[in-house]
């Protein structure tokens, strides 16, 4: 089973949100609404664990108290193992367009929804 690969997120507490490329396309330009969905659906995440790929977790947003990083699923290819590879374009979208840089930003989003 694949693990995170490339730039690995730092921190002590991790939460994740899984999404597909279709969900990305559907929500591009609707960041204010989508960040609320992300904040409500985050779940605990163990960065050392194996990840079972499915149709719903093509991409995984991992957020810690220090950072947020998106990873995308890649099948094994030559010397490269099956993995969730760091994806800079999705990471930039989350950090810049949605303003989700760490878990404190998630707390702020949830506070505005009360």
PDB file of N, CA and C in Angstrom:
ATOM      1  N   UNK A   1       0.841  -1.180   0.000  1.00  0.00           N
ATOM      2  CA  UNK A   1       0.000   0.000   0.000  1.00  0.00           C
ATOM      3  C   UNK A   1       0.885   1.242   0.000  1.00  0.00           C
ATOM      4  N   UNK A   2       0.410   2.300  -0.631  1.00  0.00           N
ATOM      5  CA  UNK A   2       1.235   3.505  -0.760  1.00  0.00           C
ATOM      6  C   UNK A   2       1.328   4.324   0.529  1.00  0.00           C
ATOM      7  N   UNK A   3       2.361   5.140   0.557  1.00  0.00           N
ATOM      8  CA  UNK A   3       2.597   6.095   1.635  1.00  0.00           C
ATOM      9  C   UNK A   3       2.792   7.472   1.012  1.00  0.00           C
ATOM     10  N   UNK A   4       2.934   8.480   1.863  1.00  0.00           N
ATOM     11  CA  UNK A   4       3.233   9.822   1.384  1.00  0.00           C
ATOM     12  C   UNK A   4       4.657   9.860   0.849  1.00  0.00           C
ATOM     13  N   UNK A   5       4.872  10.638  -0.213  1.00  0.00           N
ATOM     14  CA  UNK A   5       6.156  10.661  -0.899  1.00  0.00           C
ATOM     15  C   UNK A   5       6.452  12.089  -1.334  1.00  0.00           C
ATOM     16  N   UNK A   6       7.726  12.430  -1.394  1.00  0.00           N
ATOM     17  CA  UNK A   6       8.120  13.790  -1.772  1.00  0.00           C
ATOM     18  C   UNK A   6       8.241  14.635  -0.519  1.00  0.00           C
ATOM     19  N   UNK A   7       7.778  15.867  -0.574  1.00  0.00           N
ATOM     20  CA  UNK A   7       7.783  16.735   0.592  1.00  0.00           C
ATOM     21  C   UNK A   7       6.812  16.163   1.620  1.00  0.00           C
ATOM     22  N   UNK A   8       7.311  15.848   2.802  1.00  0.00           N
ATOM     23  CA  UNK A   8       6.473  15.263   3.848  1.00  0.00           C
ATOM     24  C   UNK A   8       6.147  16.339   4.883  1.00  0.00           C
ATOM     25  N   UNK A   9       4.896  16.443   5.222  1.00  0.00           N
ATOM     26  CA  UNK A   9       4.426  17.453   6.161  1.00  0.00           C
ATOM     27  C   UNK A   9       5.040  17.245   7.539  1.00  0.00           C
ATOM     28  N   UNK A  10       5.327  18.332   8.219  1.00  0.00           N
ATOM     29  CA  UNK A  10       5.881  18.314   9.576  1.00  0.00           C
ATOM     30  C   UNK A  10       4.785  18.673  10.570  1.00  0.00           C
ATOM     31  N   UNK A  11       4.941  18.189  11.785  1.00  0.00           N
ATOM     32  CA  UNK A  11       4.003  18.518  12.842  1.00  0.00           C
ATOM     33  C   UNK A  11       3.798  17.340  13.780  1.00  0.00           C
ATOM     34  N   UNK A  12       2.904  17.539  14.758  1.00  0.00           N
ATOM     35  CA  UNK A  12       2.609  16.495  15.743  1.00  0.00           C
ATOM     36  C   UNK A  12       1.183  15.986  15.612  1.00  0.00           C
ATOM     37  N   UNK A  13       0.276  16.849  15.178  1.00  0.00           N
ATOM     38  CA  UNK A  13      -1.127  16.482  15.021  1.00  0.00           C
ATOM     39  C   UNK A  13      -1.494  16.658  13.549  1.00  0.00           C
ATOM     40  N   UNK A  14      -2.161  15.643  12.977  1.00  0.00           N
ATOM     41  CA  UNK A  14      -2.486  15.679  11.558  1.00  0.00           C
ATOM     42  C   UNK A  14      -3.963  15.372  11.330  1.00  0.00           C
ATOM     43  N   UNK A  15      -4.556  16.117  10.411  1.00  0.00           N
ATOM     44  CA  UNK A  15      -5.924  15.892   9.969  1.00  0.00           C
ATOM     45  C   UNK A  15      -5.880  15.799   8.446  1.00  0.00           C
ATOM     46  N   UNK A  16      -6.866  15.092   7.868  1.00  0.00           N
ATOM     47  CA  UNK A  16      -6.865  14.956   6.417  1.00  0.00           C
ATOM     48  C   UNK A  16      -8.265  15.130   5.835  1.00  0.00           C
ATOM     49  N   UNK A  17      -8.269  15.447   4.551  1.00  0.00           N
ATOM     50  CA  UNK A  17      -9.490  15.564   3.755  1.00  0.00           C
ATOM     51  C   UNK A  17      -9.191  14.945   2.397  1.00  0.00           C
ATOM     52  N   UNK A  18     -10.021  14.006   1.972  1.00  0.00           N
ATOM     53  CA  UNK A  18      -9.819  13.322   0.700  1.00  0.00           C
ATOM     54  C   UNK A  18     -10.740  13.920  -0.359  1.00  0.00           C
ATOM     55  N   UNK A  19     -10.218  14.056  -1.593  1.00  0.00           N
ATOM     56  CA  UNK A  19     -11.035  14.595  -2.673  1.00  0.00           C
ATOM     57  C   UNK A  19     -10.544  14.077  -4.026  1.00  0.00           C
ATOM     58  N   UNK A  20     -11.426  14.162  -5.004  1.00  0.00           N
ATOM     59  CA  UNK A  20     -11.105  13.695  -6.351  1.00  0.00           C
ATOM     60  C   UNK A  20     -10.720  14.884  -7.225  1.00  0.00           C
ATOM     61  N   UNK A  21     -10.164  14.585  -8.391  1.00  0.00           N
ATOM     62  CA  UNK A  21      -9.859  15.648  -9.352  1.00  0.00           C
ATOM     63  C   UNK A  21     -11.148  16.335  -9.809  1.00  0.00           C
ATOM     64  N   UNK A  22     -12.233  15.569  -9.929  1.00  0.00           N
ATOM     65  CA  UNK A  22     -13.526  16.145 -10.327  1.00  0.00           C
ATOM     66  C   UNK A  22     -14.027  17.138  -9.274  1.00  0.00           C
ATOM     67  N   UNK A  23     -13.845  16.813  -7.995  1.00  0.00           N
ATOM     68  CA  UNK A  23     -14.244  17.740  -6.923  1.00  0.00           C
ATOM     69  C   UNK A  23     -13.403  19.007  -6.965  1.00  0.00           C
ATOM     70  N   UNK A  24     -12.122  18.857  -7.298  1.00  0.00           N
ATOM     71  CA  UNK A  24     -11.269  20.042  -7.455  1.00  0.00           C
ATOM     72  C   UNK A  24     -11.832  20.930  -8.557  1.00  0.00           C
ATOM     73  N   UNK A  25     -12.096  20.360  -9.722  1.00  0.00           N
ATOM     74  CA  UNK A  25     -12.602  21.132 -10.857  1.00  0.00           C
ATOM     75  C   UNK A  25     -13.936  21.800 -10.530  1.00  0.00           C
ATOM     76  N   UNK A  26     -14.805  21.060  -9.868  1.00  0.00           N
ATOM     77  CA  UNK A  26     -16.130  21.574  -9.501  1.00  0.00           C
ATOM     78  C   UNK A  26     -16.032  22.747  -8.529  1.00  0.00           C
ATOM     79  N   UNK A  27     -15.041  22.727  -7.654  1.00  0.00           N
ATOM     80  CA  UNK A  27     -14.938  23.746  -6.603  1.00  0.00           C
ATOM     81  C   UNK A  27     -13.913  24.838  -6.881  1.00  0.00           C
ATOM     82  N   UNK A  28     -13.200  24.735  -7.992  1.00  0.00           N
ATOM     83  CA  UNK A  28     -12.256  25.793  -8.357  1.00  0.00           C
ATOM     84  C   UNK A  28     -13.073  27.056  -8.650  1.00  0.00           C
ATOM     85  N   UNK A  29     -12.754  28.134  -7.959  1.00  0.00           N
ATOM     86  CA  UNK A  29     -13.531  29.361  -8.070  1.00  0.00           C
ATOM     87  C   UNK A  29     -14.606  29.485  -7.001  1.00  0.00           C
ATOM     88  N   UNK A  30     -14.818  28.428  -6.238  1.00  0.00           N
ATOM     89  CA  UNK A  30     -15.811  28.423  -5.151  1.00  0.00           C
ATOM     90  C   UNK A  30     -15.110  28.116  -3.833  1.00  0.00           C
ATOM     91  N   UNK A  31     -13.928  28.697  -3.662  1.00  0.00           N
ATOM     92  CA  UNK A  31     -13.081  28.364  -2.522  1.00  0.00           C
ATOM     93  C   UNK A  31     -13.716  28.671  -1.178  1.00  0.00           C
ATOM     94  N   UNK A  32     -14.489  29.762  -1.085  1.00  0.00           N
ATOM     95  CA  UNK A  32     -15.101  30.110   0.208  1.00  0.00           C
ATOM     96  C   UNK A  32     -16.066  29.029   0.677  1.00  0.00           C
ATOM     97  N   UNK A  33     -16.802  28.439  -0.242  1.00  0.00           N
ATOM     98  CA  UNK A  33     -17.724  27.365   0.119  1.00  0.00           C
ATOM     99  C   UNK A  33     -16.979  26.064   0.398  1.00  0.00           C
ATOM    100  N   UNK A  34     -15.982  25.754  -0.448  1.00  0.00           N
ATOM    101  CA  UNK A  34     -15.279  24.474  -0.331  1.00  0.00           C
ATOM    102  C   UNK A  34     -14.437  24.397   0.941  1.00  0.00           C
ATOM    103  N   UNK A  35     -13.859  25.519   1.381  1.00  0.00           N
ATOM    104  CA  UNK A  35     -13.051  25.463   2.601  1.00  0.00           C
ATOM    105  C   UNK A  35     -13.912  25.143   3.823  1.00  0.00           C
ATOM    106  N   UNK A  36     -15.187  25.505   3.791  1.00  0.00           N
ATOM    107  CA  UNK A  36     -16.099  25.144   4.885  1.00  0.00           C
ATOM    108  C   UNK A  36     -16.383  23.646   4.874  1.00  0.00           C
ATOM    109  N   UNK A  37     -16.517  23.073   3.687  1.00  0.00           N
ATOM    110  CA  UNK A  37     -16.712  21.628   3.557  1.00  0.00           C
ATOM    111  C   UNK A  37     -15.494  20.900   4.112  1.00  0.00           C
ATOM    112  N   UNK A  38     -14.314  21.369   3.735  1.00  0.00           N
ATOM    113  CA  UNK A  38     -13.071  20.760   4.220  1.00  0.00           C
ATOM    114  C   UNK A  38     -13.005  20.825   5.742  1.00  0.00           C
ATOM    115  N   UNK A  39     -13.256  22.009   6.296  1.00  0.00           N
ATOM    116  CA  UNK A  39     -13.166  22.191   7.751  1.00  0.00           C
ATOM    117  C   UNK A  39     -14.105  21.248   8.496  1.00  0.00           C
ATOM    118  N   UNK A  40     -15.313  21.034   7.966  1.00  0.00           N
ATOM    119  CA  UNK A  40     -16.290  20.169   8.631  1.00  0.00           C
ATOM    120  C   UNK A  40     -15.976  18.687   8.483  1.00  0.00           C
ATOM    121  N   UNK A  41     -15.278  18.304   7.416  1.00  0.00           N
ATOM    122  CA  UNK A  41     -15.076  16.885   7.132  1.00  0.00           C
ATOM    123  C   UNK A  41     -13.663  16.382   7.413  1.00  0.00           C
ATOM    124  N   UNK A  42     -12.834  17.179   8.044  1.00  0.00           N
ATOM    125  CA  UNK A  42     -11.479  16.719   8.396  1.00  0.00           C
ATOM    126  C   UNK A  42     -11.563  15.542   9.353  1.00  0.00           C
ATOM    127  N   UNK A  43     -10.613  14.626   9.206  1.00  0.00           N
ATOM    128  CA  UNK A  43     -10.546  13.484  10.119  1.00  0.00           C
ATOM    129  C   UNK A  43      -9.092  13.262  10.530  1.00  0.00           C
ATOM    130  N   UNK A  44      -8.863  12.635  11.670  1.00  0.00           N
ATOM    131  CA  UNK A  44      -7.487  12.370  12.120  1.00  0.00           C
ATOM    132  C   UNK A  44      -6.729  11.554  11.072  1.00  0.00           C
ATOM    133  N   UNK A  45      -5.420  11.787  10.998  1.00  0.00           N
ATOM    134  CA  UNK A  45      -4.586  11.141   9.989  1.00  0.00           C
ATOM    135  C   UNK A  45      -3.240  10.769  10.584  1.00  0.00           C
ATOM    136  N   UNK A  46      -2.766   9.569  10.273  1.00  0.00           N
ATOM    137  CA  UNK A  46      -1.444   9.099  10.706  1.00  0.00           C
ATOM    138  C   UNK A  46      -0.531   9.128   9.483  1.00  0.00           C
ATOM    139  N   UNK A  47       0.443  10.036   9.471  1.00  0.00           N
ATOM    140  CA  UNK A  47       1.295  10.183   8.282  1.00  0.00           C
ATOM    141  C   UNK A  47       2.206   8.991   8.041  1.00  0.00           C
ATOM    142  N   UNK A  48       2.380   8.134   9.025  1.00  0.00           N
ATOM    143  CA  UNK A  48       3.248   6.965   8.855  1.00  0.00           C
ATOM    144  C   UNK A  48       2.488   5.745   8.336  1.00  0.00           C
ATOM    145  N   UNK A  49       1.177   5.834   8.277  1.00  0.00           N
ATOM    146  CA  UNK A  49       0.387   4.660   7.896  1.00  0.00           C
ATOM    147  C   UNK A  49       0.335   4.469   6.384  1.00  0.00           C
ATOM    148  N   UNK A  50       0.053   3.240   6.004  1.00  0.00           N
ATOM    149  CA  UNK A  50      -0.220   2.943   4.604  1.00  0.00           C
ATOM    150  C   UNK A  50      -1.609   3.482   4.286  1.00  0.00           C
ATOM    151  N   UNK A  51      -1.805   3.882   3.035  1.00  0.00           N
ATOM    152  CA  UNK A  51      -3.081   4.442   2.615  1.00  0.00           C
ATOM    153  C   UNK A  51      -3.690   3.510   1.569  1.00  0.00           C
ATOM    154  N   UNK A  52      -4.932   3.141   1.758  1.00  0.00           N
ATOM    155  CA  UNK A  52      -5.607   2.286   0.785  1.00  0.00           C
ATOM    156  C   UNK A  52      -6.257   3.178  -0.271  1.00  0.00           C
ATOM    157  N   UNK A  53      -5.738   3.166  -1.510  1.00  0.00           N
ATOM    158  CA  UNK A  53      -6.308   4.010  -2.555  1.00  0.00           C
ATOM    159  C   UNK A  53      -7.737   3.604  -2.906  1.00  0.00           C
ATOM    160  N   UNK A  54      -8.548   4.600  -3.216  1.00  0.00           N
ATOM    161  CA  UNK A  54      -9.919   4.372  -3.658  1.00  0.00           C
ATOM    162  C   UNK A  54     -10.278   5.449  -4.680  1.00  0.00           C
ATOM    163  N   UNK A  55     -11.449   5.342  -5.254  1.00  0.00           N
ATOM    164  CA  UNK A  55     -11.891   6.348  -6.229  1.00  0.00           C
ATOM    165  C   UNK A  55     -12.113   7.704  -5.578  1.00  0.00           C
ATOM    166  N   UNK A  56     -12.350   7.710  -4.271  1.00  0.00           N
ATOM    167  CA  UNK A  56     -12.664   8.956  -3.570  1.00  0.00           C
ATOM    168  C   UNK A  56     -11.439   9.660  -3.001  1.00  0.00           C
ATOM    169  N   UNK A  57     -10.290   8.977  -2.940  1.00  0.00           N
ATOM    170  CA  UNK A  57      -9.109   9.624  -2.350  1.00  0.00           C
ATOM    171  C   UNK A  57      -7.963   9.757  -3.356  1.00  0.00           C
ATOM    172  N   UNK A  58      -8.296  10.218  -4.566  1.00  0.00           N
ATOM    173  CA  UNK A  58      -7.253  10.499  -5.549  1.00  0.00           C
ATOM    174  C   UNK A  58      -6.267  11.513  -4.985  1.00  0.00           C
ATOM    175  N   UNK A  59      -6.784  12.407  -4.163  1.00  0.00           N
ATOM    176  CA  UNK A  59      -5.978  13.463  -3.552  1.00  0.00           C
ATOM    177  C   UNK A  59      -6.263  13.495  -2.059  1.00  0.00           C
ATOM    178  N   UNK A  60      -5.228  13.788  -1.305  1.00  0.00           N
ATOM    179  CA  UNK A  60      -5.376  13.900   0.144  1.00  0.00           C
ATOM    180  C   UNK A  60      -4.739  15.214   0.583  1.00  0.00           C
ATOM    181  N   UNK A  61      -5.541  16.043   1.233  1.00  0.00           N
ATOM    182  CA  UNK A  61      -5.041  17.255   1.868  1.00  0.00           C
ATOM    183  C   UNK A  61      -4.709  16.892   3.303  1.00  0.00           C
ATOM    184  N   UNK A  62      -3.458  17.092   3.700  1.00  0.00           N
ATOM    185  CA  UNK A  62      -3.037  16.815   5.074  1.00  0.00           C
ATOM    186  C   UNK A  62      -2.691  18.154   5.717  1.00  0.00           C
ATOM    187  N   UNK A  63      -3.248  18.377   6.903  1.00  0.00           N
ATOM    188  CA  UNK A  63      -3.048  19.639   7.613  1.00  0.00           C
ATOM    189  C   UNK A  63      -2.512  19.344   9.004  1.00  0.00           C
ATOM    190  N   UNK A  64      -1.478  20.085   9.397  1.00  0.00           N
ATOM    191  CA  UNK A  64      -0.925  19.971  10.754  1.00  0.00           C
ATOM    192  C   UNK A  64      -0.951  21.348  11.397  1.00  0.00           C
ATOM    193  N   UNK A  65      -0.466  21.416  12.625  1.00  0.00           N
ATOM    194  CA  UNK A  65      -0.384  22.714  13.292  1.00  0.00           C
ATOM    195  C   UNK A  65       0.661  23.614  12.631  1.00  0.00           C
ATOM    196  N   UNK A  66       1.508  23.047  11.763  1.00  0.00           N
ATOM    197  CA  UNK A  66       2.577  23.803  11.115  1.00  0.00           C
ATOM    198  C   UNK A  66       2.354  24.085   9.640  1.00  0.00           C
ATOM    199  N   UNK A  67       1.572  23.241   8.932  1.00  0.00           N
ATOM    200  CA  UNK A  67       1.540  23.337   7.474  1.00  0.00           C
ATOM    201  C   UNK A  67       0.297  22.662   6.904  1.00  0.00           C
ATOM    202  N   UNK A  68       0.102  22.809   5.608  1.00  0.00           N
ATOM    203  CA  UNK A  68      -0.895  22.044   4.864  1.00  0.00           C
ATOM    204  C   UNK A  68      -0.274  21.664   3.521  1.00  0.00           C
ATOM    205  N   UNK A  69      -0.462  20.405   3.126  1.00  0.00           N
ATOM    206  CA  UNK A  69       0.125  19.886   1.896  1.00  0.00           C
ATOM    207  C   UNK A  69      -0.869  18.940   1.235  1.00  0.00           C
ATOM    208  N   UNK A  70      -0.975  19.014  -0.088  1.00  0.00           N
ATOM    209  CA  UNK A  70      -1.796  18.088  -0.860  1.00  0.00           C
ATOM    210  C   UNK A  70      -0.910  17.029  -1.500  1.00  0.00           C
ATOM    211  N   UNK A  71      -1.425  15.820  -1.519  1.00  0.00           N
ATOM    212  CA  UNK A  71      -0.756  14.679  -2.140  1.00  0.00           C
ATOM    213  C   UNK A  71      -1.731  14.040  -3.125  1.00  0.00           C
ATOM    214  N   UNK A  72      -1.212  13.558  -4.266  1.00  0.00           N
ATOM    215  CA  UNK A  72      -2.026  12.883  -5.272  1.00  0.00           C
ATOM    216  C   UNK A  72      -1.515  11.468  -5.486  1.00  0.00           C
ATOM    217  N   UNK A  73      -2.462  10.565  -5.712  1.00  0.00           N
ATOM    218  CA  UNK A  73      -2.122   9.160  -5.911  1.00  0.00           C
ATOM    219  C   UNK A  73      -1.429   8.940  -7.259  1.00  0.00           C
ATOM    220  N   UNK A  74      -0.359   8.159  -7.248  1.00  0.00           N
ATOM    221  CA  UNK A  74       0.354   7.760  -8.460  1.00  0.00           C
ATOM    222  C   UNK A  74       0.604   6.268  -8.408  1.00  0.00           C
ATOM    223  N   UNK A  75       0.280   5.578  -9.498  1.00  0.00           N
ATOM    224  CA  UNK A  75       0.565   4.152  -9.593  1.00  0.00           C
ATOM    225  C   UNK A  75       2.069   3.952  -9.719  1.00  0.00           C
ATOM    226  N   UNK A  76       2.524   2.750  -9.412  1.00  0.00           N
ATOM    227  CA  UNK A  76       3.941   2.419  -9.572  1.00  0.00           C
ATOM    228  C   UNK A  76       4.323   2.602 -11.041  1.00  0.00           C
ATOM    229  N   UNK A  77       5.522   3.156 -11.259  1.00  0.00           N
ATOM    230  CA  UNK A  77       5.987   3.423 -12.610  1.00  0.00           C
ATOM    231  C   UNK A  77       7.499   3.256 -12.645  1.00  0.00           C
ATOM    232  N   UNK A  78       7.971   2.198 -13.282  1.00  0.00           N
ATOM    233  CA  UNK A  78       9.408   1.939 -13.335  1.00  0.00           C
ATOM    234  C   UNK A  78       9.971   1.821 -11.935  1.00  0.00           C
ATOM    235  N   UNK A  79      11.002   2.626 -11.614  1.00  0.00           N
ATOM    236  CA  UNK A  79      11.602   2.530 -10.280  1.00  0.00           C
ATOM    237  C   UNK A  79      10.790   3.232  -9.182  1.00  0.00           C
ATOM    238  N   UNK A  80       9.747   3.962  -9.591  1.00  0.00           N
ATOM    239  CA  UNK A  80       8.945   4.708  -8.617  1.00  0.00           C
ATOM    240  C   UNK A  80       7.854   3.821  -8.039  1.00  0.00           C
ATOM    241  N   UNK A  81       7.753   3.754  -6.720  1.00  0.00           N
ATOM    242  CA  UNK A  81       6.737   2.908  -6.085  1.00  0.00           C
ATOM    243  C   UNK A  81       5.347   3.538  -6.180  1.00  0.00           C
ATOM    244  N   UNK A  82       4.320   2.741  -5.929  1.00  0.00           N
ATOM    245  CA  UNK A  82       2.972   3.268  -5.762  1.00  0.00           C
ATOM    246  C   UNK A  82       3.033   4.237  -4.587  1.00  0.00           C
ATOM    247  N   UNK A  83       2.434   5.425  -4.735  1.00  0.00           N
ATOM    248  CA  UNK A  83       2.622   6.443  -3.708  1.00  0.00           C
ATOM    249  C   UNK A  83       1.579   7.551  -3.803  1.00  0.00           C
ATOM    250  N   UNK A  84       1.514   8.352  -2.746  1.00  0.00           N
ATOM    251  CA  UNK A  84       0.813   9.629  -2.755  1.00  0.00           C
ATOM    252  C   UNK A  84       1.906  10.689  -2.812  1.00  0.00           C
ATOM    253  N   UNK A  85       2.032  11.322  -3.960  1.00  0.00           N
ATOM    254  CA  UNK A  85       3.117  12.257  -4.251  1.00  0.00           C
ATOM    255  C   UNK A  85       2.688  13.687  -3.911  1.00  0.00           C
ATOM    256  N   UNK A  86       3.594  14.448  -3.298  1.00  0.00           N
ATOM    257  CA  UNK A  86       3.374  15.868  -3.044  1.00  0.00           C
ATOM    258  C   UNK A  86       2.931  16.539  -4.332  1.00  0.00           C
ATOM    259  N   UNK A  87       1.898  17.372  -4.268  1.00  0.00           N
ATOM    260  CA  UNK A  87       1.392  18.068  -5.456  1.00  0.00           C
ATOM    261  C   UNK A  87       1.367  19.564  -5.177  1.00  0.00           C
ATOM    262  N   UNK A  88       2.290  20.288  -5.801  1.00  0.00           N
ATOM    263  CA  UNK A  88       2.444  21.707  -5.490  1.00  0.00           C
ATOM    264  C   UNK A  88       1.299  22.580  -5.992  1.00  0.00           C
ATOM    265  N   UNK A  89       0.677  22.276  -7.136  1.00  0.00           N
ATOM    266  CA  UNK A  89      -0.393  23.132  -7.634  1.00  0.00           C
ATOM    267  C   UNK A  89      -1.631  23.069  -6.729  1.00  0.00           C
ATOM    268  N   UNK A  90      -2.012  21.881  -6.272  1.00  0.00           N
ATOM    269  CA  UNK A  90      -3.138  21.763  -5.354  1.00  0.00           C
ATOM    270  C   UNK A  90      -2.791  22.374  -3.994  1.00  0.00           C
ATOM    271  N   UNK A  91      -1.554  22.187  -3.555  1.00  0.00           N
ATOM    272  CA  UNK A  91      -1.118  22.773  -2.286  1.00  0.00           C
ATOM    273  C   UNK A  91      -1.199  24.296  -2.356  1.00  0.00           C
ATOM    274  N   UNK A  92      -0.734  24.888  -3.448  1.00  0.00           N
ATOM    275  CA  UNK A  92      -0.813  26.347  -3.616  1.00  0.00           C
ATOM    276  C   UNK A  92      -2.265  26.817  -3.617  1.00  0.00           C
ATOM    277  N   UNK A  93      -3.160  26.048  -4.254  1.00  0.00           N
ATOM    278  CA  UNK A  93      -4.579  26.399  -4.306  1.00  0.00           C
ATOM    279  C   UNK A  93      -5.165  26.443  -2.893  1.00  0.00           C
ATOM    280  N   UNK A  94      -4.849  25.446  -2.083  1.00  0.00           N
ATOM    281  CA  UNK A  94      -5.366  25.384  -0.715  1.00  0.00           C
ATOM    282  C   UNK A  94      -4.803  26.534   0.126  1.00  0.00           C
ATOM    283  N   UNK A  95      -3.500  26.755   0.043  1.00  0.00           N
ATOM    284  CA  UNK A  95      -2.871  27.781   0.869  1.00  0.00           C
ATOM    285  C   UNK A  95      -3.216  29.198   0.406  1.00  0.00           C
ATOM    286  N   UNK A  96      -3.138  29.455  -0.889  1.00  0.00           N
ATOM    287  CA  UNK A  96      -3.338  30.814  -1.409  1.00  0.00           C
ATOM    288  C   UNK A  96      -4.806  31.164  -1.607  1.00  0.00           C
ATOM    289  N   UNK A  97      -5.538  30.312  -2.322  1.00  0.00           N
ATOM    290  CA  UNK A  97      -6.916  30.649  -2.668  1.00  0.00           C
ATOM    291  C   UNK A  97      -7.903  30.408  -1.535  1.00  0.00           C
ATOM    292  N   UNK A  98      -7.626  29.399  -0.695  1.00  0.00           N
ATOM    293  CA  UNK A  98      -8.530  29.111   0.431  1.00  0.00           C
ATOM    294  C   UNK A  98      -7.995  29.655   1.758  1.00  0.00           C
ATOM    295  N   UNK A  99      -6.719  29.958   1.818  1.00  0.00           N
ATOM    296  CA  UNK A  99      -6.149  30.484   3.057  1.00  0.00           C
ATOM    297  C   UNK A  99      -5.988  29.451   4.151  1.00  0.00           C
ATOM    298  N   UNK A 100      -5.864  28.166   3.773  1.00  0.00           N
ATOM    299  CA  UNK A 100      -5.681  27.099   4.761  1.00  0.00           C
ATOM    300  C   UNK A 100      -4.203  26.734   4.796  1.00  0.00           C
ATOM    301  N   UNK A 101      -3.502  27.317   5.763  1.00  0.00           N
ATOM    302  CA  UNK A 101      -2.065  27.073   5.877  1.00  0.00           C
ATOM    303  C   UNK A 101      -1.719  26.118   7.006  1.00  0.00           C
ATOM    304  N   UNK A 102      -2.653  25.968   7.984  1.00  0.00           N
ATOM    305  CA  UNK A 102      -2.412  25.088   9.136  1.00  0.00           C
ATOM    306  C   UNK A 102      -3.726  24.874   9.891  1.00  0.00           C
ATOM    307  N   UNK A 103      -3.668  24.125  10.969  1.00  0.00           N
ATOM    308  CA  UNK A 103      -4.879  23.819  11.733  1.00  0.00           C
ATOM    309  C   UNK A 103      -5.507  25.048  12.384  1.00  0.00           C
ATOM    310  N   UNK A 104      -4.724  26.076  12.675  1.00  0.00           N
ATOM    311  CA  UNK A 104      -5.277  27.304  13.238  1.00  0.00           C
ATOM    312  C   UNK A 104      -6.232  27.963  12.240  1.00  0.00           C
ATOM    313  N   UNK A 105      -5.908  27.887  10.952  1.00  0.00           N
ATOM    314  CA  UNK A 105      -6.802  28.437   9.931  1.00  0.00           C
ATOM    315  C   UNK A 105      -8.119  27.665   9.887  1.00  0.00           C
ATOM    316  N   UNK A 106      -8.073  26.358  10.122  1.00  0.00           N
ATOM    317  CA  UNK A 106      -9.296  25.549  10.177  1.00  0.00           C
ATOM    318  C   UNK A 106     -10.163  25.991  11.352  1.00  0.00           C
ATOM    319  N   UNK A 107      -9.513  26.234  12.503  1.00  0.00           N
ATOM    320  CA  UNK A 107     -10.255  26.711  13.684  1.00  0.00           C
ATOM    321  C   UNK A 107     -10.962  28.027  13.370  1.00  0.00           C
ATOM    322  N   UNK A 108     -10.275  28.932  12.684  1.00  0.00           N
ATOM    323  CA  UNK A 108     -10.881  30.228  12.315  1.00  0.00           C
ATOM    324  C   UNK A 108     -12.079  30.034  11.388  1.00  0.00           C
ATOM    325  N   UNK A 109     -11.964  29.124  10.430  1.00  0.00           N
ATOM    326  CA  UNK A 109     -13.076  28.838   9.522  1.00  0.00           C
ATOM    327  C   UNK A 109     -14.271  28.308  10.307  1.00  0.00           C
ATOM    328  N   UNK A 110     -14.022  27.345  11.195  1.00  0.00           N
ATOM    329  CA  UNK A 110     -15.110  26.779  12.005  1.00  0.00           C
ATOM    330  C   UNK A 110     -15.736  27.827  12.903  1.00  0.00           C
ATOM    331  N   UNK A 111     -14.922  28.737  13.463  1.00  0.00           N
ATOM    332  CA  UNK A 111     -15.461  29.797  14.319  1.00  0.00           C
ATOM    333  C   UNK A 111     -16.397  30.731  13.562  1.00  0.00           C
ATOM    334  N   UNK A 112     -16.086  30.992  12.284  1.00  0.00           N
ATOM    335  CA  UNK A 112     -16.953  31.893  11.490  1.00  0.00           C
ATOM    336  C   UNK A 112     -18.264  31.226  11.089  1.00  0.00           C
ATOM    337  N   UNK A 113     -18.318  29.910  11.195  1.00  0.00           N
ATOM    338  CA  UNK A 113     -19.524  29.173  10.817  1.00  0.00           C
ATOM    339  C   UNK A 113     -20.521  29.040  11.959  1.00  0.00           C
ATOM    340  N   UNK A 114     -20.142  29.440  13.168  1.00  0.00           N
ATOM    341  CA  UNK A 114     -21.023  29.306  14.335  1.00  0.00           C
ATOM    342  C   UNK A 114     -22.129  30.330  14.319  1.00  0.00           C
TER     343      UNK A 114
END
